mmCIF file of all heavy atoms, coordinates in Angstrom:
data_MODEL
# 
_entry.id   MODEL 
# 
loop_
_atom_site.group_PDB 
_atom_site.id 
_atom_site.type_symbol 
_atom_site.label_atom_id 
_atom_site.label_alt_id 
_atom_site.label_comp_id 
_atom_site.label_asym_id 
_atom_site.label_entity_id 
_atom_site.label_seq_id 
_atom_site.pdbx_PDB_ins_code 
_atom_site.Cartn_x 
_atom_site.Cartn_y 
_atom_site.Cartn_z 
_atom_site.occupancy 
_atom_site.B_iso_or_equiv 
_atom_site.pdbx_formal_charge 
_atom_site.auth_seq_id 
_atom_site.auth_comp_id 
_atom_site.auth_asym_id 
_atom_site.auth_atom_id 
_atom_site.pdbx_PDB_model_num 
ATOM 1   N N   . LYS A 1 1  ? 68.686 -49.072 94.470  1.00 0.00 ? 1  LYS A N   1 
ATOM 2   C CA  . LYS A 1 1  ? 68.186 -47.803 94.975  1.00 0.00 ? 1  LYS A CA  1 
ATOM 3   C C   . LYS A 1 1  ? 66.654 -47.806 94.970  1.00 0.00 ? 1  LYS A C   1 
ATOM 4   O O   . LYS A 1 1  ? 66.037 -48.149 93.967  1.00 0.00 ? 1  LYS A O   1 
ATOM 5   C CB  . LYS A 1 1  ? 68.701 -46.648 94.114  1.00 0.00 ? 1  LYS A CB  1 
ATOM 6   C CG  . LYS A 1 1  ? 70.212 -46.434 94.210  1.00 0.00 ? 1  LYS A CG  1 
ATOM 7   C CD  . LYS A 1 1  ? 70.646 -45.244 93.380  1.00 0.00 ? 1  LYS A CD  1 
ATOM 8   C CE  . LYS A 1 1  ? 72.154 -45.022 93.478  1.00 0.00 ? 1  LYS A CE  1 
ATOM 9   N NZ  . LYS A 1 1  ? 72.606 -43.864 92.664  1.00 0.00 ? 1  LYS A NZ  1 
ATOM 10  N N   . ASN A 1 2  ? 66.087 -47.441 96.103  1.00 0.00 ? 2  ASN A N   1 
ATOM 11  C CA  . ASN A 1 2  ? 64.629 -47.383 96.243  1.00 0.00 ? 2  ASN A CA  1 
ATOM 12  C C   . ASN A 1 2  ? 63.968 -48.670 95.741  1.00 0.00 ? 2  ASN A C   1 
ATOM 13  O O   . ASN A 1 2  ? 63.176 -48.653 94.782  1.00 0.00 ? 2  ASN A O   1 
ATOM 14  C CB  . ASN A 1 2  ? 64.068 -46.186 95.477  1.00 0.00 ? 2  ASN A CB  1 
ATOM 15  C CG  . ASN A 1 2  ? 62.678 -45.791 95.926  1.00 0.00 ? 2  ASN A CG  1 
ATOM 16  O OD1 . ASN A 1 2  ? 62.276 -46.067 97.052  1.00 0.00 ? 2  ASN A OD1 1 
ATOM 17  N ND2 . ASN A 1 2  ? 61.932 -45.145 95.048  1.00 0.00 ? 2  ASN A ND2 1 
ATOM 18  N N   . PRO A 1 3  ? 64.255 -49.818 96.373  1.00 0.00 ? 3  PRO A N   1 
ATOM 19  C CA  . PRO A 1 3  ? 63.749 -51.123 95.895  1.00 0.00 ? 3  PRO A CA  1 
ATOM 20  C C   . PRO A 1 3  ? 62.229 -51.153 95.782  1.00 0.00 ? 3  PRO A C   1 
ATOM 21  O O   . PRO A 1 3  ? 61.510 -50.625 96.641  1.00 0.00 ? 3  PRO A O   1 
ATOM 22  C CB  . PRO A 1 3  ? 64.226 -52.102 96.984  1.00 0.00 ? 3  PRO A CB  1 
ATOM 23  C CG  . PRO A 1 3  ? 65.342 -51.401 97.679  1.00 0.00 ? 3  PRO A CG  1 
ATOM 24  C CD  . PRO A 1 3  ? 65.024 -49.950 97.622  1.00 0.00 ? 3  PRO A CD  1 
ATOM 25  N N   . LYS A 1 4  ? 61.750 -51.773 94.723  1.00 0.00 ? 4  LYS A N   1 
ATOM 26  C CA  . LYS A 1 4  ? 60.310 -51.932 94.511  1.00 0.00 ? 4  LYS A CA  1 
ATOM 27  C C   . LYS A 1 4  ? 59.816 -53.135 95.300  1.00 0.00 ? 4  LYS A C   1 
ATOM 28  O O   . LYS A 1 4  ? 60.344 -54.241 95.161  1.00 0.00 ? 4  LYS A O   1 
ATOM 29  C CB  . LYS A 1 4  ? 60.008 -52.099 93.024  1.00 0.00 ? 4  LYS A CB  1 
ATOM 30  C CG  . LYS A 1 4  ? 60.288 -50.867 92.192  1.00 0.00 ? 4  LYS A CG  1 
ATOM 31  C CD  . LYS A 1 4  ? 59.834 -51.028 90.748  1.00 0.00 ? 4  LYS A CD  1 
ATOM 32  C CE  . LYS A 1 4  ? 60.687 -52.051 90.007  1.00 0.00 ? 4  LYS A CE  1 
ATOM 33  N NZ  . LYS A 1 4  ? 60.322 -52.143 88.571  1.00 0.00 ? 4  LYS A NZ  1 
ATOM 34  N N   . ILE A 1 5  ? 58.789 -52.931 96.098  1.00 0.00 ? 5  ILE A N   1 
ATOM 35  C CA  . ILE A 1 5  ? 58.234 -53.977 96.960  1.00 0.00 ? 5  ILE A CA  1 
ATOM 36  C C   . ILE A 1 5  ? 56.894 -54.423 96.405  1.00 0.00 ? 5  ILE A C   1 
ATOM 37  O O   . ILE A 1 5  ? 56.007 -53.594 96.154  1.00 0.00 ? 5  ILE A O   1 
ATOM 38  C CB  . ILE A 1 5  ? 58.026 -53.474 98.404  1.00 0.00 ? 5  ILE A CB  1 
ATOM 39  C CG1 . ILE A 1 5  ? 59.264 -52.731 98.918  1.00 0.00 ? 5  ILE A CG1 1 
ATOM 40  C CG2 . ILE A 1 5  ? 57.646 -54.638 99.316  1.00 0.00 ? 5  ILE A CG2 1 
ATOM 41  C CD1 . ILE A 1 5  ? 60.503 -53.551 99.005  1.00 0.00 ? 5  ILE A CD1 1 
ATOM 42  N N   . GLY A 1 6  ? 56.730 -55.735 96.215  1.00 0.00 ? 6  GLY A N   1 
ATOM 43  C CA  . GLY A 1 6  ? 55.462 -56.276 95.745  1.00 0.00 ? 6  GLY A CA  1 
ATOM 44  C C   . GLY A 1 6  ? 54.915 -57.309 96.716  1.00 0.00 ? 6  GLY A C   1 
ATOM 45  O O   . GLY A 1 6  ? 55.669 -58.041 97.358  1.00 0.00 ? 6  GLY A O   1 
ATOM 46  N N   . LEU A 1 7  ? 53.599 -57.343 96.843  1.00 0.00 ? 7  LEU A N   1 
ATOM 47  C CA  . LEU A 1 7  ? 52.925 -58.322 97.696  1.00 0.00 ? 7  LEU A CA  1 
ATOM 48  C C   . LEU A 1 7  ? 52.415 -59.464 96.817  1.00 0.00 ? 7  LEU A C   1 
ATOM 49  O O   . LEU A 1 7  ? 51.592 -59.236 95.918  1.00 0.00 ? 7  LEU A O   1 
ATOM 50  C CB  . LEU A 1 7  ? 51.758 -57.665 98.441  1.00 0.00 ? 7  LEU A CB  1 
ATOM 51  C CG  . LEU A 1 7  ? 50.895 -58.569 99.335  1.00 0.00 ? 7  LEU A CG  1 
ATOM 52  C CD1 . LEU A 1 7  ? 51.715 -59.134 100.497 1.00 0.00 ? 7  LEU A CD1 1 
ATOM 53  C CD2 . LEU A 1 7  ? 49.687 -57.792 99.869  1.00 0.00 ? 7  LEU A CD2 1 
ATOM 54  N N   . ALA A 1 8  ? 52.905 -60.672 97.037  1.00 0.00 ? 8  ALA A N   1 
ATOM 55  C CA  . ALA A 1 8  ? 52.477 -61.818 96.238  1.00 0.00 ? 8  ALA A CA  1 
ATOM 56  C C   . ALA A 1 8  ? 50.996 -62.079 96.465  1.00 0.00 ? 8  ALA A C   1 
ATOM 57  O O   . ALA A 1 8  ? 50.550 -62.233 97.604  1.00 0.00 ? 8  ALA A O   1 
ATOM 58  C CB  . ALA A 1 8  ? 53.298 -63.055 96.597  1.00 0.00 ? 8  ALA A CB  1 
ATOM 59  N N   . ASN A 1 9  ? 50.229 -62.138 95.363  1.00 0.00 ? 9  ASN A N   1 
ATOM 60  C CA  . ASN A 1 9  ? 48.788 -62.300 95.486  1.00 0.00 ? 9  ASN A CA  1 
ATOM 61  C C   . ASN A 1 9  ? 48.239 -62.946 94.216  1.00 0.00 ? 9  ASN A C   1 
ATOM 62  O O   . ASN A 1 9  ? 48.967 -63.164 93.249  1.00 0.00 ? 9  ASN A O   1 
ATOM 63  C CB  . ASN A 1 9  ? 48.128 -60.935 95.726  1.00 0.00 ? 9  ASN A CB  1 
ATOM 64  C CG  . ASN A 1 9  ? 46.838 -61.031 96.509  1.00 0.00 ? 9  ASN A CG  1 
ATOM 65  O OD1 . ASN A 1 9  ? 46.155 -62.058 96.481  1.00 0.00 ? 9  ASN A OD1 1 
ATOM 66  N ND2 . ASN A 1 9  ? 46.483 -59.959 97.201  1.00 0.00 ? 9  ASN A ND2 1 
ATOM 67  N N   . VAL A 1 10 ? 46.960 -63.240 94.238  1.00 0.00 ? 10 VAL A N   1 
ATOM 68  C CA  . VAL A 1 10 ? 46.330 -63.917 93.101  1.00 0.00 ? 10 VAL A CA  1 
ATOM 69  C C   . VAL A 1 10 ? 45.851 -62.940 92.033  1.00 0.00 ? 10 VAL A C   1 
ATOM 70  O O   . VAL A 1 10 ? 45.307 -63.352 91.009  1.00 0.00 ? 10 VAL A O   1 
ATOM 71  C CB  . VAL A 1 10 ? 45.146 -64.793 93.565  1.00 0.00 ? 10 VAL A CB  1 
ATOM 72  C CG1 . VAL A 1 10 ? 45.646 -65.922 94.457  1.00 0.00 ? 10 VAL A CG1 1 
ATOM 73  C CG2 . VAL A 1 10 ? 44.101 -63.949 94.303  1.00 0.00 ? 10 VAL A CG2 1 
ATOM 74  N N   . GLY A 1 11 ? 46.036 -61.669 92.251  1.00 0.00 ? 11 GLY A N   1 
ATOM 75  C CA  . GLY A 1 11 ? 45.646 -60.655 91.270  1.00 0.00 ? 11 GLY A CA  1 
ATOM 76  C C   . GLY A 1 11 ? 46.270 -59.324 91.619  1.00 0.00 ? 11 GLY A C   1 
ATOM 77  O O   . GLY A 1 11 ? 46.715 -59.106 92.756  1.00 0.00 ? 11 GLY A O   1 
ATOM 78  N N   . ALA A 1 12 ? 46.319 -58.427 90.667  1.00 0.00 ? 12 ALA A N   1 
ATOM 79  C CA  . ALA A 1 12 ? 46.972 -57.131 90.877  1.00 0.00 ? 12 ALA A CA  1 
ATOM 80  C C   . ALA A 1 12 ? 46.089 -56.143 91.644  1.00 0.00 ? 12 ALA A C   1 
ATOM 81  O O   . ALA A 1 12 ? 46.588 -55.223 92.280  1.00 0.00 ? 12 ALA A O   1 
ATOM 82  C CB  . ALA A 1 12 ? 47.359 -56.527 89.531  1.00 0.00 ? 12 ALA A CB  1 
ATOM 83  N N   . GLU A 1 13 ? 44.771 -56.346 91.620  1.00 0.00 ? 13 GLU A N   1 
ATOM 84  C CA  . GLU A 1 13 ? 43.852 -55.409 92.257  1.00 0.00 ? 13 GLU A CA  1 
ATOM 85  C C   . GLU A 1 13 ? 43.989 -55.452 93.780  1.00 0.00 ? 13 GLU A C   1 
ATOM 86  O O   . GLU A 1 13 ? 44.226 -56.501 94.369  1.00 0.00 ? 13 GLU A O   1 
ATOM 87  C CB  . GLU A 1 13 ? 42.407 -55.712 91.868  1.00 0.00 ? 13 GLU A CB  1 
ATOM 88  C CG  . GLU A 1 13 ? 42.141 -55.638 90.368  1.00 0.00 ? 13 GLU A CG  1 
ATOM 89  C CD  . GLU A 1 13 ? 42.417 -56.950 89.649  1.00 0.00 ? 13 GLU A CD  1 
ATOM 90  O OE1 . GLU A 1 13 ? 43.023 -57.855 90.274  1.00 0.00 ? 13 GLU A OE1 1 
ATOM 91  O OE2 . GLU A 1 13 ? 42.048 -57.048 88.464  1.00 0.00 ? 13 GLU A OE2 1 
ATOM 92  N N   . SER A 1 14 ? 43.785 -54.307 94.420  1.00 0.00 ? 14 SER A N   1 
ATOM 93  C CA  . SER A 1 14 ? 43.912 -54.219 95.882  1.00 0.00 ? 14 SER A CA  1 
ATOM 94  C C   . SER A 1 14 ? 42.853 -55.039 96.613  1.00 0.00 ? 14 SER A C   1 
ATOM 95  O O   . SER A 1 14 ? 43.011 -55.355 97.795  1.00 0.00 ? 14 SER A O   1 
ATOM 96  C CB  . SER A 1 14 ? 43.821 -52.759 96.327  1.00 0.00 ? 14 SER A CB  1 
ATOM 97  O OG  . SER A 1 14 ? 42.573 -52.197 95.948  1.00 0.00 ? 14 SER A OG  1 
ATOM 98  N N   . SER A 1 15 ? 41.769 -55.377 95.928  1.00 0.00 ? 15 SER A N   1 
ATOM 99  C CA  . SER A 1 15 ? 40.673 -56.135 96.538  1.00 0.00 ? 15 SER A CA  1 
ATOM 100 C C   . SER A 1 15 ? 40.901 -57.642 96.492  1.00 0.00 ? 15 SER A C   1 
ATOM 101 O O   . SER A 1 15 ? 40.091 -58.408 97.020  1.00 0.00 ? 15 SER A O   1 
ATOM 102 C CB  . SER A 1 15 ? 39.356 -55.813 95.828  1.00 0.00 ? 15 SER A CB  1 
ATOM 103 O OG  . SER A 1 15 ? 39.450 -56.138 94.445  1.00 0.00 ? 15 SER A OG  1 
ATOM 104 N N   . LYS A 1 16 ? 41.991 -58.083 95.894  1.00 0.00 ? 16 LYS A N   1 
ATOM 105 C CA  . LYS A 1 16 ? 42.242 -59.516 95.729  1.00 0.00 ? 16 LYS A CA  1 
ATOM 106 C C   . LYS A 1 16 ? 42.835 -60.128 97.005  1.00 0.00 ? 16 LYS A C   1 
ATOM 107 O O   . LYS A 1 16 ? 43.404 -59.450 97.844  1.00 0.00 ? 16 LYS A O   1 
ATOM 108 C CB  . LYS A 1 16 ? 43.215 -59.755 94.571  1.00 0.00 ? 16 LYS A CB  1 
ATOM 109 C CG  . LYS A 1 16 ? 42.656 -59.414 93.199  1.00 0.00 ? 16 LYS A CG  1 
ATOM 110 C CD  . LYS A 1 16 ? 41.661 -60.463 92.738  1.00 0.00 ? 16 LYS A CD  1 
ATOM 111 C CE  . LYS A 1 16 ? 41.234 -60.224 91.301  1.00 0.00 ? 16 LYS A CE  1 
ATOM 112 N NZ  . LYS A 1 16 ? 40.335 -61.258 90.796  1.00 0.00 ? 16 LYS A NZ  1 
ATOM 113 N N   . GLY A 1 17 ? 42.691 -61.466 97.113  1.00 0.00 ? 17 GLY A N   1 
ATOM 114 C CA  . GLY A 1 17 ? 43.333 -62.208 98.193  1.00 0.00 ? 17 GLY A CA  1 
ATOM 115 C C   . GLY A 1 17 ? 42.482 -62.369 99.434  1.00 0.00 ? 17 GLY A C   1 
ATOM 116 O O   . GLY A 1 17 ? 41.311 -61.987 99.475  1.00 0.00 ? 17 GLY A O   1 
ATOM 117 N N   . THR A 1 18 ? 43.104 -62.927 100.469 1.00 0.00 ? 18 THR A N   1 
ATOM 118 C CA  . THR A 1 18 ? 42.430 -63.135 101.740 1.00 0.00 ? 18 THR A CA  1 
ATOM 119 C C   . THR A 1 18 ? 42.289 -61.809 102.480 1.00 0.00 ? 18 THR A C   1 
ATOM 120 O O   . THR A 1 18 ? 42.837 -60.780 102.064 1.00 0.00 ? 18 THR A O   1 
ATOM 121 C CB  . THR A 1 18 ? 43.231 -64.114 102.613 1.00 0.00 ? 18 THR A CB  1 
ATOM 122 O OG1 . THR A 1 18 ? 44.500 -63.504 102.938 1.00 0.00 ? 18 THR A OG1 1 
ATOM 123 C CG2 . THR A 1 18 ? 43.487 -65.429 101.886 1.00 0.00 ? 18 THR A CG2 1 
ATOM 124 N N   . GLU A 1 19 ? 41.594 -61.847 103.594 1.00 0.00 ? 19 GLU A N   1 
ATOM 125 C CA  . GLU A 1 19 ? 41.447 -60.643 104.403 1.00 0.00 ? 19 GLU A CA  1 
ATOM 126 C C   . GLU A 1 19 ? 42.811 -60.151 104.887 1.00 0.00 ? 19 GLU A C   1 
ATOM 127 O O   . GLU A 1 19 ? 43.059 -58.929 104.961 1.00 0.00 ? 19 GLU A O   1 
ATOM 128 C CB  . GLU A 1 19 ? 40.530 -60.920 105.603 1.00 0.00 ? 19 GLU A CB  1 
ATOM 129 C CG  . GLU A 1 19 ? 40.122 -59.668 106.366 1.00 0.00 ? 19 GLU A CG  1 
ATOM 130 C CD  . GLU A 1 19 ? 39.374 -58.664 105.493 1.00 0.00 ? 19 GLU A CD  1 
ATOM 131 O OE1 . GLU A 1 19 ? 38.620 -59.079 104.580 1.00 0.00 ? 19 GLU A OE1 1 
ATOM 132 O OE2 . GLU A 1 19 ? 39.566 -57.444 105.726 1.00 0.00 ? 19 GLU A OE2 1 
ATOM 133 N N   . ALA A 1 20 ? 43.704 -61.101 105.206 1.00 0.00 ? 20 ALA A N   1 
ATOM 134 C CA  . ALA A 1 20 ? 45.055 -60.726 105.645 1.00 0.00 ? 20 ALA A CA  1 
ATOM 135 C C   . ALA A 1 20 ? 45.803 -59.994 104.529 1.00 0.00 ? 20 ALA A C   1 
ATOM 136 O O   . ALA A 1 20 ? 46.518 -59.014 104.779 1.00 0.00 ? 20 ALA A O   1 
ATOM 137 C CB  . ALA A 1 20 ? 45.832 -61.961 106.082 1.00 0.00 ? 20 ALA A CB  1 
ATOM 138 N N   . HIS A 1 21 ? 45.637 -60.464 103.283 1.00 0.00 ? 21 HIS A N   1 
ATOM 139 C CA  . HIS A 1 21 ? 46.279 -59.802 102.146 1.00 0.00 ? 21 HIS A CA  1 
ATOM 140 C C   . HIS A 1 21 ? 45.734 -58.382 101.965 1.00 0.00 ? 21 HIS A C   1 
ATOM 141 O O   . HIS A 1 21 ? 46.491 -57.441 101.700 1.00 0.00 ? 21 HIS A O   1 
ATOM 142 C CB  . HIS A 1 21 ? 46.039 -60.598 100.860 1.00 0.00 ? 21 HIS A CB  1 
ATOM 143 C CG  . HIS A 1 21 ? 46.904 -61.808 100.720 1.00 0.00 ? 21 HIS A CG  1 
ATOM 144 N ND1 . HIS A 1 21 ? 46.529 -63.036 101.186 1.00 0.00 ? 21 HIS A ND1 1 
ATOM 145 C CD2 . HIS A 1 21 ? 48.140 -61.956 100.176 1.00 0.00 ? 21 HIS A CD2 1 
ATOM 146 C CE1 . HIS A 1 21 ? 47.489 -63.912 100.924 1.00 0.00 ? 21 HIS A CE1 1 
ATOM 147 N NE2 . HIS A 1 21 ? 48.478 -63.283 100.318 1.00 0.00 ? 21 HIS A NE2 1 
ATOM 148 N N   . LYS A 1 22 ? 44.427 -58.216 102.099 1.00 0.00 ? 22 LYS A N   1 
ATOM 149 C CA  . LYS A 1 22 ? 43.815 -56.898 101.919 1.00 0.00 ? 22 LYS A CA  1 
ATOM 150 C C   . LYS A 1 22 ? 44.286 -55.916 102.992 1.00 0.00 ? 22 LYS A C   1 
ATOM 151 O O   . LYS A 1 22 ? 44.577 -54.750 102.692 1.00 0.00 ? 22 LYS A O   1 
ATOM 152 C CB  . LYS A 1 22 ? 42.292 -57.022 101.943 1.00 0.00 ? 22 LYS A CB  1 
ATOM 153 C CG  . LYS A 1 22 ? 41.717 -57.845 100.795 1.00 0.00 ? 22 LYS A CG  1 
ATOM 154 C CD  . LYS A 1 22 ? 40.223 -58.097 100.991 1.00 0.00 ? 22 LYS A CD  1 
ATOM 155 C CE  . LYS A 1 22 ? 39.687 -59.064 99.941  1.00 0.00 ? 22 LYS A CE  1 
ATOM 156 N NZ  . LYS A 1 22 ? 38.260 -59.398 100.172 1.00 0.00 ? 22 LYS A NZ  1 
ATOM 157 N N   . GLN A 1 23 ? 44.389 -56.411 104.236 1.00 0.00 ? 23 GLN A N   1 
ATOM 158 C CA  . GLN A 1 23 ? 44.860 -55.553 105.317 1.00 0.00 ? 23 GLN A CA  1 
ATOM 159 C C   . GLN A 1 23 ? 46.347 -55.235 105.154 1.00 0.00 ? 23 GLN A C   1 
ATOM 160 O O   . GLN A 1 23 ? 46.787 -54.111 105.416 1.00 0.00 ? 23 GLN A O   1 
ATOM 161 C CB  . GLN A 1 23 ? 44.608 -56.232 106.675 1.00 0.00 ? 23 GLN A CB  1 
ATOM 162 C CG  . GLN A 1 23 ? 43.148 -56.323 107.072 1.00 0.00 ? 23 GLN A CG  1 
ATOM 163 C CD  . GLN A 1 23 ? 42.490 -54.952 107.178 1.00 0.00 ? 23 GLN A CD  1 
ATOM 164 O OE1 . GLN A 1 23 ? 43.059 -54.023 107.736 1.00 0.00 ? 23 GLN A OE1 1 
ATOM 165 N NE2 . GLN A 1 23 ? 41.292 -54.830 106.614 1.00 0.00 ? 23 GLN A NE2 1 
ATOM 166 N N   . ALA A 1 24 ? 47.103 -56.235 104.701 1.00 0.00 ? 24 ALA A N   1 
ATOM 167 C CA  . ALA A 1 24 ? 48.530 -56.016 104.467 1.00 0.00 ? 24 ALA A CA  1 
ATOM 168 C C   . ALA A 1 24 ? 48.748 -54.985 103.367 1.00 0.00 ? 24 ALA A C   1 
ATOM 169 O O   . ALA A 1 24 ? 49.642 -54.134 103.460 1.00 0.00 ? 24 ALA A O   1 
ATOM 170 C CB  . ALA A 1 24 ? 49.217 -57.335 104.098 1.00 0.00 ? 24 ALA A CB  1 
ATOM 171 N N   . TYR A 1 25 ? 47.928 -55.051 102.338 1.00 0.00 ? 25 TYR A N   1 
ATOM 172 C CA  . TYR A 1 25 ? 48.013 -54.084 101.235 1.00 0.00 ? 25 TYR A CA  1 
ATOM 173 C C   . TYR A 1 25 ? 47.864 -52.654 101.771 1.00 0.00 ? 25 TYR A C   1 
ATOM 174 O O   . TYR A 1 25 ? 48.627 -51.759 101.399 1.00 0.00 ? 25 TYR A O   1 
ATOM 175 C CB  . TYR A 1 25 ? 46.924 -54.383 100.205 1.00 0.00 ? 25 TYR A CB  1 
ATOM 176 C CG  . TYR A 1 25 ? 47.023 -53.559 98.938  1.00 0.00 ? 25 TYR A CG  1 
ATOM 177 C CD1 . TYR A 1 25 ? 47.568 -54.094 97.780  1.00 0.00 ? 25 TYR A CD1 1 
ATOM 178 C CD2 . TYR A 1 25 ? 46.557 -52.244 98.895  1.00 0.00 ? 25 TYR A CD2 1 
ATOM 179 C CE1 . TYR A 1 25 ? 47.663 -53.346 96.611  1.00 0.00 ? 25 TYR A CE1 1 
ATOM 180 C CE2 . TYR A 1 25 ? 46.642 -51.481 97.744  1.00 0.00 ? 25 TYR A CE2 1 
ATOM 181 C CZ  . TYR A 1 25 ? 47.194 -52.037 96.600  1.00 0.00 ? 25 TYR A CZ  1 
ATOM 182 O OH  . TYR A 1 25 ? 47.289 -51.292 95.467  1.00 0.00 ? 25 TYR A OH  1 
ATOM 183 N N   . ILE A 1 26 ? 46.898 -52.459 102.657 1.00 0.00 ? 26 ILE A N   1 
ATOM 184 C CA  . ILE A 1 26 ? 46.662 -51.126 103.231 1.00 0.00 ? 26 ILE A CA  1 
ATOM 185 C C   . ILE A 1 26 ? 47.874 -50.666 104.029 1.00 0.00 ? 26 ILE A C   1 
ATOM 186 O O   . ILE A 1 26 ? 48.339 -49.526 103.894 1.00 0.00 ? 26 ILE A O   1 
ATOM 187 C CB  . ILE A 1 26 ? 45.398 -51.136 104.113 1.00 0.00 ? 26 ILE A CB  1 
ATOM 188 C CG1 . ILE A 1 26 ? 44.152 -51.407 103.260 1.00 0.00 ? 26 ILE A CG1 1 
ATOM 189 C CG2 . ILE A 1 26 ? 45.266 -49.828 104.880 1.00 0.00 ? 26 ILE A CG2 1 
ATOM 190 C CD1 . ILE A 1 26 ? 42.888 -51.640 104.064 1.00 0.00 ? 26 ILE A CD1 1 
ATOM 191 N N   . LEU A 1 27 ? 48.425 -51.554 104.877 1.00 0.00 ? 27 LEU A N   1 
ATOM 192 C CA  . LEU A 1 27 ? 49.586 -51.206 105.697 1.00 0.00 ? 27 LEU A CA  1 
ATOM 193 C C   . LEU A 1 27 ? 50.799 -50.877 104.833 1.00 0.00 ? 27 LEU A C   1 
ATOM 194 O O   . LEU A 1 27 ? 51.523 -49.910 105.106 1.00 0.00 ? 27 LEU A O   1 
ATOM 195 C CB  . LEU A 1 27 ? 49.925 -52.359 106.644 1.00 0.00 ? 27 LEU A CB  1 
ATOM 196 C CG  . LEU A 1 27 ? 48.921 -52.669 107.759 1.00 0.00 ? 27 LEU A CG  1 
ATOM 197 C CD1 . LEU A 1 27 ? 49.430 -53.817 108.609 1.00 0.00 ? 27 LEU A CD1 1 
ATOM 198 C CD2 . LEU A 1 27 ? 48.680 -51.444 108.621 1.00 0.00 ? 27 LEU A CD2 1 
# 
């Protein structure tokens, strides 16, 4: 129920990762 979705990245902060990761985080 209501599955938790996580984005695989090199850190928990929203500023981490490549530009694609940062844009994906926003979406």
